[in-house]
Amino acid sequence: MRTTRRLLVTALACALLLGGGVATATAGGGGDTTRIGSQHITINDATVTVSDTTISGEGLPSATVEDQAFTVEKSKTTIDGVTITVDGETYEFGRTTIVVENVGVHLEDVTLTGS
C-alpha cells in the first residue's frame, strides 16, 4: 500500500508539473532546451480520480486496482531536476519541491505493469 501511495503521489505531482509548468514555459525554437528555474508546488484539499488507465515502466510492480480510495494527509517530495520532452520541445526543470496535503485519490480499473 505504501509503495502504491508513493507511486500515485509522484504520478500526480508529475502530471500537475507538466500541466502547470509547461503551460507557463516559453517554447524554445528548433529543438532547443527551455530551462525553467526551481519550482515549489503545493497541492491541497483536492480529490483526484484515476480510472481506466495502464501505467507501465521499469521497476513498477505488476498489479491491478479495481476500486480503491485513500487520502494523502501530507507528503513532500523534492526532485533535484527533471527533463521533459513534449512535441519535440525539451523542458528542463530545476530543483522542484512538491507538497501534497489532504488529497483524496480514487483508483478505478488501474493496471500497473512492471518491466
PDB file of N, CA and C in Angstrom:
ATOM      1  N   MET A   1       0.818  -1.184   0.000  1.00  0.00           N
ATOM      2  CA  MET A   1       0.000   0.000   0.000  1.00  0.00           C
ATOM      3  C   MET A   1       0.870   1.259   0.000  1.00  0.00           C
ATOM      4  N   ARG A   2       1.933   1.275   0.793  1.00  0.00           N
ATOM      5  CA  ARG A   2       2.809   2.445   0.877  1.00  0.00           C
ATOM      6  C   ARG A   2       3.486   2.700  -0.471  1.00  0.00           C
ATOM      7  N   THR A   3       3.905   1.633  -1.164  1.00  0.00           N
ATOM      8  CA  THR A   3       4.530   1.786  -2.474  1.00  0.00           C
ATOM      9  C   THR A   3       3.533   2.362  -3.474  1.00  0.00           C
ATOM     10  N   THR A   4       2.306   1.877  -3.443  1.00  0.00           N
ATOM     11  CA  THR A   4       1.276   2.387  -4.336  1.00  0.00           C
ATOM     12  C   THR A   4       1.003   3.856  -4.057  1.00  0.00           C
ATOM     13  N   ARG A   5       0.951   4.225  -2.785  1.00  0.00           N
ATOM     14  CA  ARG A   5       0.693   5.619  -2.410  1.00  0.00           C
ATOM     15  C   ARG A   5       1.805   6.523  -2.921  1.00  0.00           C
ATOM     16  N   ARG A   6       3.067   6.122  -2.726  1.00  0.00           N
ATOM     17  CA  ARG A   6       4.187   6.938  -3.207  1.00  0.00           C
ATOM     18  C   ARG A   6       4.166   7.052  -4.726  1.00  0.00           C
ATOM     19  N   LEU A   7       3.855   5.958  -5.396  1.00  0.00           N
ATOM     20  CA  LEU A   7       3.776   5.963  -6.856  1.00  0.00           C
ATOM     21  C   LEU A   7       2.697   6.922  -7.331  1.00  0.00           C
ATOM     22  N   LEU A   8       1.538   6.877  -6.706  1.00  0.00           N
ATOM     23  CA  LEU A   8       0.442   7.739  -7.122  1.00  0.00           C
ATOM     24  C   LEU A   8       0.724   9.200  -6.843  1.00  0.00           C
ATOM     25  N   VAL A   9       1.314   9.489  -5.703  1.00  0.00           N
ATOM     26  CA  VAL A   9       1.647  10.879  -5.386  1.00  0.00           C
ATOM     27  C   VAL A   9       2.655  11.408  -6.388  1.00  0.00           C
ATOM     28  N   THR A  10       3.648  10.593  -6.718  1.00  0.00           N
ATOM     29  CA  THR A  10       4.644  11.011  -7.698  1.00  0.00           C
ATOM     30  C   THR A  10       4.014  11.205  -9.071  1.00  0.00           C
ATOM     31  N   ALA A  11       3.149  10.274  -9.481  1.00  0.00           N
ATOM     32  CA  ALA A  11       2.482  10.397 -10.776  1.00  0.00           C
ATOM     33  C   ALA A  11       1.592  11.633 -10.818  1.00  0.00           C
ATOM     34  N   LEU A  12       0.859  11.871  -9.741  1.00  0.00           N
ATOM     35  CA  LEU A  12       0.002  13.052  -9.658  1.00  0.00           C
ATOM     36  C   LEU A  12       0.830  14.325  -9.729  1.00  0.00           C
ATOM     37  N   ALA A  13       1.907  14.350  -8.987  1.00  0.00           N
ATOM     38  CA  ALA A  13       2.761  15.543  -8.972  1.00  0.00           C
ATOM     39  C   ALA A  13       3.360  15.812 -10.343  1.00  0.00           C
ATOM     40  N   CYS A  14       3.822  14.767 -11.015  1.00  0.00           N
ATOM     41  CA  CYS A  14       4.398  14.945 -12.353  1.00  0.00           C
ATOM     42  C   CYS A  14       3.344  15.428 -13.345  1.00  0.00           C
ATOM     43  N   ALA A  15       2.121  14.896 -13.242  1.00  0.00           N
ATOM     44  CA  ALA A  15       1.056  15.342 -14.136  1.00  0.00           C
ATOM     45  C   ALA A  15       0.755  16.813 -13.918  1.00  0.00           C
ATOM     46  N   LEU A  16       0.701  17.227 -12.661  1.00  0.00           N
ATOM     47  CA  LEU A  16       0.448  18.634 -12.372  1.00  0.00           C
ATOM     48  C   LEU A  16       1.630  19.499 -12.768  1.00  0.00           C
ATOM     49  N   LEU A  17       2.836  18.971 -12.608  1.00  0.00           N
ATOM     50  CA  LEU A  17       4.024  19.699 -13.024  1.00  0.00           C
ATOM     51  C   LEU A  17       4.002  19.929 -14.532  1.00  0.00           C
ATOM     52  N   LEU A  18       3.633  18.896 -15.283  1.00  0.00           N
ATOM     53  CA  LEU A  18       3.514  19.033 -16.733  1.00  0.00           C
ATOM     54  C   LEU A  18       2.443  20.051 -17.096  1.00  0.00           C
ATOM     55  N   GLY A  19       1.288  19.941 -16.481  1.00  0.00           N
ATOM     56  CA  GLY A  19       0.185  20.831 -16.801  1.00  0.00           C
ATOM     57  C   GLY A  19       0.456  22.270 -16.427  1.00  0.00           C
ATOM     58  N   GLY A  20       1.005  22.505 -15.242  1.00  0.00           N
ATOM     59  CA  GLY A  20       1.245  23.858 -14.778  1.00  0.00           C
ATOM     60  C   GLY A  20       2.548  24.442 -15.264  1.00  0.00           C
ATOM     61  N   GLY A  21       3.611  23.691 -15.186  1.00  0.00           N
ATOM     62  CA  GLY A  21       4.927  24.211 -15.538  1.00  0.00           C
ATOM     63  C   GLY A  21       5.126  24.410 -17.023  1.00  0.00           C
ATOM     64  N   VAL A  22       4.710  23.453 -17.825  1.00  0.00           N
ATOM     65  CA  VAL A  22       4.912  23.561 -19.259  1.00  0.00           C
ATOM     66  C   VAL A  22       3.998  24.637 -19.843  1.00  0.00           C
ATOM     67  N   ALA A  23       2.811  24.802 -19.267  1.00  0.00           N
ATOM     68  CA  ALA A  23       1.893  25.821 -19.785  1.00  0.00           C
ATOM     69  C   ALA A  23       2.456  27.223 -19.606  1.00  0.00           C
ATOM     70  N   THR A  24       3.306  27.431 -18.589  1.00  0.00           N
ATOM     71  CA  THR A  24       3.858  28.756 -18.363  1.00  0.00           C
ATOM     72  C   THR A  24       5.242  28.933 -18.998  1.00  0.00           C
ATOM     73  N   ALA A  25       5.777  27.874 -19.543  1.00  0.00           N
ATOM     74  CA  ALA A  25       7.109  27.956 -20.147  1.00  0.00           C
ATOM     75  C   ALA A  25       7.029  28.609 -21.518  1.00  0.00           C
ATOM     76  N   THR A  26       8.094  29.301 -21.874  1.00  0.00           N
ATOM     77  CA  THR A  26       8.169  29.835 -23.229  1.00  0.00           C
ATOM     78  C   THR A  26       8.898  28.817 -24.078  1.00  0.00           C
ATOM     79  N   ALA A  27       8.297  28.454 -25.172  1.00  0.00           N
ATOM     80  CA  ALA A  27       8.866  27.403 -26.019  1.00  0.00           C
ATOM     81  C   ALA A  27      10.100  27.906 -26.733  1.00  0.00           C
ATOM     82  N   GLY A  28      11.138  27.056 -26.738  1.00  0.00           N
ATOM     83  CA  GLY A  28      12.344  27.383 -27.486  1.00  0.00           C
ATOM     84  C   GLY A  28      12.177  26.955 -28.930  1.00  0.00           C
ATOM     85  N   GLY A  29      12.969  27.474 -29.797  1.00  0.00           N
ATOM     86  CA  GLY A  29      12.828  27.130 -31.210  1.00  0.00           C
ATOM     87  C   GLY A  29      13.778  26.039 -31.622  1.00  0.00           C
ATOM     88  N   GLY A  30      13.358  25.236 -32.594  1.00  0.00           N
ATOM     89  CA  GLY A  30      14.216  24.266 -33.241  1.00  0.00           C
ATOM     90  C   GLY A  30      14.826  23.220 -32.336  1.00  0.00           C
ATOM     91  N   GLY A  31      14.074  22.697 -31.368  1.00  0.00           N
ATOM     92  CA  GLY A  31      14.563  21.622 -30.542  1.00  0.00           C
ATOM     93  C   GLY A  31      15.468  22.065 -29.416  1.00  0.00           C
ATOM     94  N   ASP A  32      15.561  23.357 -29.132  1.00  0.00           N
ATOM     95  CA  ASP A  32      16.360  23.845 -28.021  1.00  0.00           C
ATOM     96  C   ASP A  32      15.730  23.420 -26.700  1.00  0.00           C
ATOM     97  N   THR A  33      16.521  23.492 -25.648  1.00  0.00           N
ATOM     98  CA  THR A  33      16.012  23.178 -24.324  1.00  0.00           C
ATOM     99  C   THR A  33      15.608  24.470 -23.623  1.00  0.00           C
ATOM    100  N   THR A  34      14.383  24.493 -23.111  1.00  0.00           N
ATOM    101  CA  THR A  34      13.905  25.624 -22.325  1.00  0.00           C
ATOM    102  C   THR A  34      14.146  25.292 -20.867  1.00  0.00           C
ATOM    103  N   ARG A  35      14.945  26.106 -20.190  1.00  0.00           N
ATOM    104  CA  ARG A  35      15.254  25.861 -18.784  1.00  0.00           C
ATOM    105  C   ARG A  35      14.292  26.654 -17.910  1.00  0.00           C
ATOM    106  N   ILE A  36      13.709  25.962 -16.977  1.00  0.00           N
ATOM    107  CA  ILE A  36      12.758  26.565 -16.045  1.00  0.00           C
ATOM    108  C   ILE A  36      13.356  26.417 -14.658  1.00  0.00           C
ATOM    109  N   GLY A  37      13.452  27.507 -13.939  1.00  0.00           N
ATOM    110  CA  GLY A  37      14.096  27.515 -12.626  1.00  0.00           C
ATOM    111  C   GLY A  37      13.405  26.642 -11.606  1.00  0.00           C
ATOM    112  N   SER A  38      13.850  26.752 -10.379  1.00  0.00           N
ATOM    113  CA  SER A  38      13.303  25.966  -9.280  1.00  0.00           C
ATOM    114  C   SER A  38      11.826  26.290  -9.080  1.00  0.00           C
ATOM    115  N   GLN A  39      11.065  25.282  -8.694  1.00  0.00           N
ATOM    116  CA  GLN A  39       9.623  25.411  -8.500  1.00  0.00           C
ATOM    117  C   GLN A  39       9.241  24.861  -7.135  1.00  0.00           C
ATOM    118  N   HIS A  40       8.224  25.449  -6.533  1.00  0.00           N
ATOM    119  CA  HIS A  40       7.630  24.911  -5.305  1.00  0.00           C
ATOM    120  C   HIS A  40       6.141  24.799  -5.576  1.00  0.00           C
ATOM    121  N   ILE A  41       5.627  23.585  -5.557  1.00  0.00           N
ATOM    122  CA  ILE A  41       4.228  23.331  -5.882  1.00  0.00           C
ATOM    123  C   ILE A  41       3.544  22.760  -4.645  1.00  0.00           C
ATOM    124  N   THR A  42       2.401  23.350  -4.271  1.00  0.00           N
ATOM    125  CA  THR A  42       1.607  22.832  -3.159  1.00  0.00           C
ATOM    126  C   THR A  42       0.238  22.448  -3.692  1.00  0.00           C
ATOM    127  N   ILE A  43      -0.172  21.240  -3.409  1.00  0.00           N
ATOM    128  CA  ILE A  43      -1.483  20.740  -3.812  1.00  0.00           C
ATOM    129  C   ILE A  43      -2.222  20.389  -2.528  1.00  0.00           C
ATOM    130  N   ASN A  44      -3.372  21.039  -2.274  1.00  0.00           N
ATOM    131  CA  ASN A  44      -4.101  20.702  -1.056  1.00  0.00           C
ATOM    132  C   ASN A  44      -5.600  20.748  -1.279  1.00  0.00           C
ATOM    133  N   ASP A  45      -6.296  20.004  -0.412  1.00  0.00           N
ATOM    134  CA  ASP A  45      -7.759  19.944  -0.418  1.00  0.00           C
ATOM    135  C   ASP A  45      -8.322  19.638  -1.803  1.00  0.00           C
ATOM    136  N   ALA A  46      -7.913  18.512  -2.362  1.00  0.00           N
ATOM    137  CA  ALA A  46      -8.384  18.122  -3.689  1.00  0.00           C
ATOM    138  C   ALA A  46      -8.720  16.636  -3.701  1.00  0.00           C
ATOM    139  N   THR A  47      -9.461  16.227  -4.708  1.00  0.00           N
ATOM    140  CA  THR A  47      -9.736  14.809  -4.937  1.00  0.00           C
ATOM    141  C   THR A  47      -9.364  14.497  -6.375  1.00  0.00           C
ATOM    142  N   VAL A  48      -8.586  13.451  -6.548  1.00  0.00           N
ATOM    143  CA  VAL A  48      -8.130  13.043  -7.877  1.00  0.00           C
ATOM    144  C   VAL A  48      -8.670  11.653  -8.154  1.00  0.00           C
ATOM    145  N   THR A  49      -9.277  11.465  -9.319  1.00  0.00           N
ATOM    146  CA  THR A  49      -9.768  10.153  -9.728  1.00  0.00           C
ATOM    147  C   THR A  49      -8.967   9.703 -10.939  1.00  0.00           C
ATOM    148  N   VAL A  50      -8.399   8.506 -10.857  1.00  0.00           N
ATOM    149  CA  VAL A  50      -7.669   7.902 -11.972  1.00  0.00           C
ATOM    150  C   VAL A  50      -8.445   6.649 -12.350  1.00  0.00           C
ATOM    151  N   SER A  51      -8.943   6.603 -13.596  1.00  0.00           N
ATOM    152  CA  SER A  51      -9.746   5.452 -13.999  1.00  0.00           C
ATOM    153  C   SER A  51      -9.369   4.985 -15.396  1.00  0.00           C
ATOM    154  N   ASP A  52      -9.595   3.684 -15.636  1.00  0.00           N
ATOM    155  CA  ASP A  52      -9.351   3.053 -16.934  1.00  0.00           C
ATOM    156  C   ASP A  52      -7.978   3.423 -17.487  1.00  0.00           C
ATOM    157  N   THR A  53      -6.935   3.175 -16.684  1.00  0.00           N
ATOM    158  CA  THR A  53      -5.583   3.600 -17.025  1.00  0.00           C
ATOM    159  C   THR A  53      -4.595   2.453 -16.841  1.00  0.00           C
ATOM    160  N   THR A  54      -3.591   2.410 -17.711  1.00  0.00           N
ATOM    161  CA  THR A  54      -2.482   1.478 -17.558  1.00  0.00           C
ATOM    162  C   THR A  54      -1.202   2.283 -17.420  1.00  0.00           C
ATOM    163  N   ILE A  55      -0.444   2.012 -16.367  1.00  0.00           N
ATOM    164  CA  ILE A  55       0.833   2.679 -16.129  1.00  0.00           C
ATOM    165  C   ILE A  55       1.905   1.611 -16.216  1.00  0.00           C
ATOM    166  N   SER A  56       2.894   1.816 -17.085  1.00  0.00           N
ATOM    167  CA  SER A  56       3.950   0.821 -17.222  1.00  0.00           C
ATOM    168  C   SER A  56       5.299   1.499 -17.140  1.00  0.00           C
ATOM    169  N   GLY A  57       6.267   0.751 -16.639  1.00  0.00           N
ATOM    170  CA  GLY A  57       7.610   1.296 -16.546  1.00  0.00           C
ATOM    171  C   GLY A  57       8.528   0.365 -15.793  1.00  0.00           C
ATOM    172  N   GLU A  58       9.789   0.654 -15.917  1.00  0.00           N
ATOM    173  CA  GLU A  58      10.812  -0.159 -15.275  1.00  0.00           C
ATOM    174  C   GLU A  58      10.719  -0.032 -13.761  1.00  0.00           C
ATOM    175  N   GLY A  59      10.740  -1.152 -13.082  1.00  0.00           N
ATOM    176  CA  GLY A  59      10.736  -1.160 -11.629  1.00  0.00           C
ATOM    177  C   GLY A  59       9.367  -1.112 -10.985  1.00  0.00           C
ATOM    178  N   LEU A  60       8.319  -0.966 -11.777  1.00  0.00           N
ATOM    179  CA  LEU A  60       6.971  -0.956 -11.203  1.00  0.00           C
ATOM    180  C   LEU A  60       6.512  -2.379 -10.927  1.00  0.00           C
ATOM    181  N   PRO A  61       5.695  -2.548  -9.905  1.00  0.00           N
ATOM    182  CA  PRO A  61       5.125  -3.884  -9.677  1.00  0.00           C
ATOM    183  C   PRO A  61       4.013  -4.141 -10.696  1.00  0.00           C
ATOM    184  N   SER A  62       3.672  -5.398 -10.886  1.00  0.00           N
ATOM    185  CA  SER A  62       2.534  -5.732 -11.738  1.00  0.00           C
ATOM    186  C   SER A  62       1.330  -5.921 -10.833  1.00  0.00           C
ATOM    187  N   ALA A  63       0.322  -5.090 -10.999  1.00  0.00           N
ATOM    188  CA  ALA A  63      -0.857  -5.140 -10.138  1.00  0.00           C
ATOM    189  C   ALA A  63      -2.029  -4.491 -10.838  1.00  0.00           C
ATOM    190  N   THR A  64      -3.230  -4.858 -10.400  1.00  0.00           N
ATOM    191  CA  THR A  64      -4.456  -4.245 -10.894  1.00  0.00           C
ATOM    192  C   THR A  64      -5.268  -3.769  -9.705  1.00  0.00           C
ATOM    193  N   VAL A  65      -5.764  -2.550  -9.783  1.00  0.00           N
ATOM    194  CA  VAL A  65      -6.606  -1.987  -8.735  1.00  0.00           C
ATOM    195  C   VAL A  65      -7.986  -1.772  -9.342  1.00  0.00           C
ATOM    196  N   GLU A  66      -8.979  -2.491  -8.832  1.00  0.00           N
ATOM    197  CA  GLU A  66     -10.329  -2.364  -9.373  1.00  0.00           C
ATOM    198  C   GLU A  66     -11.049  -1.135  -8.827  1.00  0.00           C
ATOM    199  N   ASP A  67     -11.012  -0.946  -7.512  1.00  0.00           N
ATOM    200  CA  ASP A  67     -11.693   0.204  -6.905  1.00  0.00           C
ATOM    201  C   ASP A  67     -11.121   0.415  -5.511  1.00  0.00           C
ATOM    202  N   GLN A  68     -10.407   1.518  -5.336  1.00  0.00           N
ATOM    203  CA  GLN A  68      -9.789   1.806  -4.044  1.00  0.00           C
ATOM    204  C   GLN A  68      -9.659   3.314  -3.875  1.00  0.00           C
ATOM    205  N   ALA A  69      -9.884   3.779  -2.658  1.00  0.00           N
ATOM    206  CA  ALA A  69      -9.761   5.207  -2.370  1.00  0.00           C
ATOM    207  C   ALA A  69      -8.975   5.387  -1.084  1.00  0.00           C
ATOM    208  N   PHE A  70      -8.180   6.434  -1.023  1.00  0.00           N
ATOM    209  CA  PHE A  70      -7.454   6.773   0.192  1.00  0.00           C
ATOM    210  C   PHE A  70      -7.128   8.249   0.177  1.00  0.00           C
ATOM    211  N   THR A  71      -6.660   8.741   1.312  1.00  0.00           N
ATOM    212  CA  THR A  71      -6.321  10.153   1.444  1.00  0.00           C
ATOM    213  C   THR A  71      -4.851  10.289   1.804  1.00  0.00           C
ATOM    214  N   VAL A  72      -4.166  11.180   1.136  1.00  0.00           N
ATOM    215  CA  VAL A  72      -2.791  11.511   1.461  1.00  0.00           C
ATOM    216  C   VAL A  72      -2.856  12.716   2.398  1.00  0.00           C
ATOM    217  N   GLU A  73      -2.548  12.500   3.672  1.00  0.00           N
ATOM    218  CA  GLU A  73      -2.619  13.578   4.652  1.00  0.00           C
ATOM    219  C   GLU A  73      -1.540  14.626   4.390  1.00  0.00           C
ATOM    220  N   LYS A  74      -0.293  14.177   4.234  1.00  0.00           N
ATOM    221  CA  LYS A  74       0.794  15.097   3.925  1.00  0.00           C
ATOM    222  C   LYS A  74       1.971  14.319   3.364  1.00  0.00           C
ATOM    223  N   SER A  75       2.499  14.812   2.251  1.00  0.00           N
ATOM    224  CA  SER A  75       3.659  14.198   1.620  1.00  0.00           C
ATOM    225  C   SER A  75       4.481  15.301   0.974  1.00  0.00           C
ATOM    226  N   LYS A  76       5.791  15.217   1.108  1.00  0.00           N
ATOM    227  CA  LYS A  76       6.685  16.202   0.498  1.00  0.00           C
ATOM    228  C   LYS A  76       7.739  15.453  -0.308  1.00  0.00           C
ATOM    229  N   THR A  77       7.879  15.824  -1.560  1.00  0.00           N
ATOM    230  CA  THR A  77       8.848  15.199  -2.452  1.00  0.00           C
ATOM    231  C   THR A  77       9.698  16.293  -3.081  1.00  0.00           C
ATOM    232  N   THR A  78      11.007  16.080  -3.111  1.00  0.00           N
ATOM    233  CA  THR A  78      11.902  17.021  -3.772  1.00  0.00           C
ATOM    234  C   THR A  78      12.626  16.294  -4.889  1.00  0.00           C
ATOM    235  N   ILE A  79      12.582  16.893  -6.080  1.00  0.00           N
ATOM    236  CA  ILE A  79      13.246  16.339  -7.250  1.00  0.00           C
ATOM    237  C   ILE A  79      14.364  17.305  -7.615  1.00  0.00           C
ATOM    238  N   ASP A  80      15.586  16.808  -7.712  1.00  0.00           N
ATOM    239  CA  ASP A  80      16.728  17.686  -7.993  1.00  0.00           C
ATOM    240  C   ASP A  80      16.705  18.245  -9.412  1.00  0.00           C
ATOM    241  N   GLY A  81      16.093  17.573 -10.320  1.00  0.00           N
ATOM    242  CA  GLY A  81      15.990  18.062 -11.690  1.00  0.00           C
ATOM    243  C   GLY A  81      15.250  17.053 -12.534  1.00  0.00           C
ATOM    244  N   VAL A  82      14.514  17.542 -13.526  1.00  0.00           N
ATOM    245  CA  VAL A  82      13.784  16.644 -14.409  1.00  0.00           C
ATOM    246  C   VAL A  82      13.746  17.265 -15.801  1.00  0.00           C
ATOM    247  N   THR A  83      13.854  16.424 -16.823  1.00  0.00           N
ATOM    248  CA  THR A  83      13.783  16.866 -18.208  1.00  0.00           C
ATOM    249  C   THR A  83      12.589  16.192 -18.861  1.00  0.00           C
ATOM    250  N   ILE A  84      11.761  17.004 -19.530  1.00  0.00           N
ATOM    251  CA  ILE A  84      10.554  16.501 -20.168  1.00  0.00           C
ATOM    252  C   ILE A  84      10.550  16.966 -21.614  1.00  0.00           C
ATOM    253  N   THR A  85      10.232  16.048 -22.543  1.00  0.00           N
ATOM    254  CA  THR A  85      10.111  16.412 -23.945  1.00  0.00           C
ATOM    255  C   THR A  85       8.655  16.277 -24.360  1.00  0.00           C
ATOM    256  N   VAL A  86       8.072  17.378 -24.891  1.00  0.00           N
ATOM    257  CA  VAL A  86       6.689  17.408 -25.333  1.00  0.00           C
ATOM    258  C   VAL A  86       6.661  17.929 -26.758  1.00  0.00           C
ATOM    259  N   ASP A  87       6.170  17.116 -27.686  1.00  0.00           N
ATOM    260  CA  ASP A  87       6.091  17.500 -29.097  1.00  0.00           C
ATOM    261  C   ASP A  87       7.409  18.042 -29.634  1.00  0.00           C
ATOM    262  N   GLY A  88       8.510  17.390 -29.302  1.00  0.00           N
ATOM    263  CA  GLY A  88       9.810  17.769 -29.821  1.00  0.00           C
ATOM    264  C   GLY A  88      10.495  18.900 -29.077  1.00  0.00           C
ATOM    265  N   GLU A  89       9.811  19.538 -28.145  1.00  0.00           N
ATOM    266  CA  GLU A  89      10.395  20.602 -27.332  1.00  0.00           C
ATOM    267  C   GLU A  89      10.831  20.014 -25.996  1.00  0.00           C
ATOM    268  N   THR A  90      12.026  20.356 -25.549  1.00  0.00           N
ATOM    269  CA  THR A  90      12.555  19.835 -24.295  1.00  0.00           C
ATOM    270  C   THR A  90      12.519  20.918 -23.237  1.00  0.00           C
ATOM    271  N   TYR A  91      11.999  20.547 -22.061  1.00  0.00           N
ATOM    272  CA  TYR A  91      11.898  21.459 -20.924  1.00  0.00           C
ATOM    273  C   TYR A  91      12.703  20.855 -19.779  1.00  0.00           C
ATOM    274  N   GLU A  92      13.555  21.667 -19.186  1.00  0.00           N
ATOM    275  CA  GLU A  92      14.385  21.211 -18.074  1.00  0.00           C
ATOM    276  C   GLU A  92      14.007  22.018 -16.830  1.00  0.00           C
ATOM    277  N   PHE A  93      13.491  21.316 -15.821  1.00  0.00           N
ATOM    278  CA  PHE A  93      13.095  21.941 -14.569  1.00  0.00           C
ATOM    279  C   PHE A  93      14.229  21.791 -13.568  1.00  0.00           C
ATOM    280  N   GLY A  94      14.499  22.845 -12.809  1.00  0.00           N
ATOM    281  CA  GLY A  94      15.489  22.780 -11.736  1.00  0.00           C
ATOM    282  C   GLY A  94      14.914  22.046 -10.537  1.00  0.00           C
ATOM    283  N   ARG A  95      15.488  22.294  -9.386  1.00  0.00           N
ATOM    284  CA  ARG A  95      15.025  21.647  -8.149  1.00  0.00           C
ATOM    285  C   ARG A  95      13.548  21.979  -7.934  1.00  0.00           C
ATOM    286  N   THR A  96      12.737  20.938  -7.785  1.00  0.00           N
ATOM    287  CA  THR A  96      11.296  21.107  -7.637  1.00  0.00           C
ATOM    288  C   THR A  96      10.840  20.421  -6.360  1.00  0.00           C
ATOM    289  N   THR A  97      10.112  21.163  -5.533  1.00  0.00           N
ATOM    290  CA  THR A  97       9.547  20.612  -4.301  1.00  0.00           C
ATOM    291  C   THR A  97       8.038  20.563  -4.461  1.00  0.00           C
ATOM    292  N   ILE A  98       7.474  19.394  -4.196  1.00  0.00           N
ATOM    293  CA  ILE A  98       6.034  19.192  -4.329  1.00  0.00           C
ATOM    294  C   ILE A  98       5.488  18.780  -2.972  1.00  0.00           C
ATOM    295  N   VAL A  99       4.549  19.561  -2.453  1.00  0.00           N
ATOM    296  CA  VAL A  99       3.911  19.267  -1.169  1.00  0.00           C
ATOM    297  C   VAL A  99       2.453  18.921  -1.454  1.00  0.00           C
ATOM    298  N   VAL A 100       2.020  17.761  -0.963  1.00  0.00           N
ATOM    299  CA  VAL A 100       0.642  17.312  -1.139  1.00  0.00           C
ATOM    300  C   VAL A 100       0.020  17.204   0.248  1.00  0.00           C
ATOM    301  N   GLU A 101      -1.106  17.917   0.465  1.00  0.00           N
ATOM    302  CA  GLU A 101      -1.787  17.900   1.760  1.00  0.00           C
ATOM    303  C   GLU A 101      -3.281  17.652   1.559  1.00  0.00           C
ATOM    304  N   ASN A 102      -3.805  16.701   2.314  1.00  0.00           N
ATOM    305  CA  ASN A 102      -5.232  16.410   2.322  1.00  0.00           C
ATOM    306  C   ASN A 102      -5.794  16.213   0.913  1.00  0.00           C
ATOM    307  N   VAL A 103      -5.204  15.284   0.182  1.00  0.00           N
ATOM    308  CA  VAL A 103      -5.644  14.990  -1.176  1.00  0.00           C
ATOM    309  C   VAL A 103      -6.207  13.578  -1.222  1.00  0.00           C
ATOM    310  N   GLY A 104      -7.460  13.463  -1.660  1.00  0.00           N
ATOM    311  CA  GLY A 104      -8.088  12.156  -1.828  1.00  0.00           C
ATOM    312  C   GLY A 104      -7.755  11.603  -3.196  1.00  0.00           C
ATOM    313  N   VAL A 105      -7.452  10.321  -3.237  1.00  0.00           N
ATOM    314  CA  VAL A 105      -7.143   9.655  -4.504  1.00  0.00           C
ATOM    315  C   VAL A 105      -8.087   8.469  -4.650  1.00  0.00           C
ATOM    316  N   HIS A 106      -8.786   8.413  -5.770  1.00  0.00           N
ATOM    317  CA  HIS A 106      -9.690   7.313  -6.056  1.00  0.00           C
ATOM    318  C   HIS A 106      -9.190   6.593  -7.307  1.00  0.00           C
ATOM    319  N   LEU A 107      -8.865   5.309  -7.162  1.00  0.00           N
ATOM    320  CA  LEU A 107      -8.382   4.497  -8.282  1.00  0.00           C
ATOM    321  C   LEU A 107      -9.492   3.561  -8.721  1.00  0.00           C
ATOM    322  N   GLU A 108      -9.703   3.501 -10.030  1.00  0.00           N
ATOM    323  CA  GLU A 108     -10.751   2.649 -10.570  1.00  0.00           C
ATOM    324  C   GLU A 108     -10.245   2.032 -11.862  1.00  0.00           C
ATOM    325  N   ASP A 109     -10.123   0.714 -11.910  1.00  0.00           N
ATOM    326  CA  ASP A 109      -9.620  -0.024 -13.077  1.00  0.00           C
ATOM    327  C   ASP A 109      -8.267   0.514 -13.540  1.00  0.00           C
ATOM    328  N   VAL A 110      -7.286   0.496 -12.628  1.00  0.00           N
ATOM    329  CA  VAL A 110      -5.928   0.948 -12.918  1.00  0.00           C
ATOM    330  C   VAL A 110      -5.005  -0.273 -12.928  1.00  0.00           C
ATOM    331  N   THR A 111      -4.174  -0.391 -13.953  1.00  0.00           N
ATOM    332  CA  THR A 111      -3.245  -1.505 -14.080  1.00  0.00           C
ATOM    333  C   THR A 111      -1.816  -0.975 -14.067  1.00  0.00           C
ATOM    334  N   LEU A 112      -0.967  -1.561 -13.200  1.00  0.00           N
ATOM    335  CA  LEU A 112       0.448  -1.269 -13.175  1.00  0.00           C
ATOM    336  C   LEU A 112       1.163  -2.435 -13.840  1.00  0.00           C
ATOM    337  N   THR A 113       2.075  -2.130 -14.759  1.00  0.00           N
ATOM    338  CA  THR A 113       2.819  -3.172 -15.458  1.00  0.00           C
ATOM    339  C   THR A 113       4.299  -2.861 -15.362  1.00  0.00           C
ATOM    340  N   GLY A 114       5.017  -3.707 -14.632  1.00  0.00           N
ATOM    341  CA  GLY A 114       6.452  -3.541 -14.498  1.00  0.00           C
ATOM    342  C   GLY A 114       7.200  -4.201 -15.619  1.00  0.00           C
ATOM    343  N   SER A 115       8.402  -3.693 -15.874  1.00  0.00           N
ATOM    344  CA  SER A 115       9.233  -4.302 -16.926  1.00  0.00           C
ATOM    345  C   SER A 115      10.574  -4.663 -16.369  1.00  0.00           C
TER     346      SER A 115
END
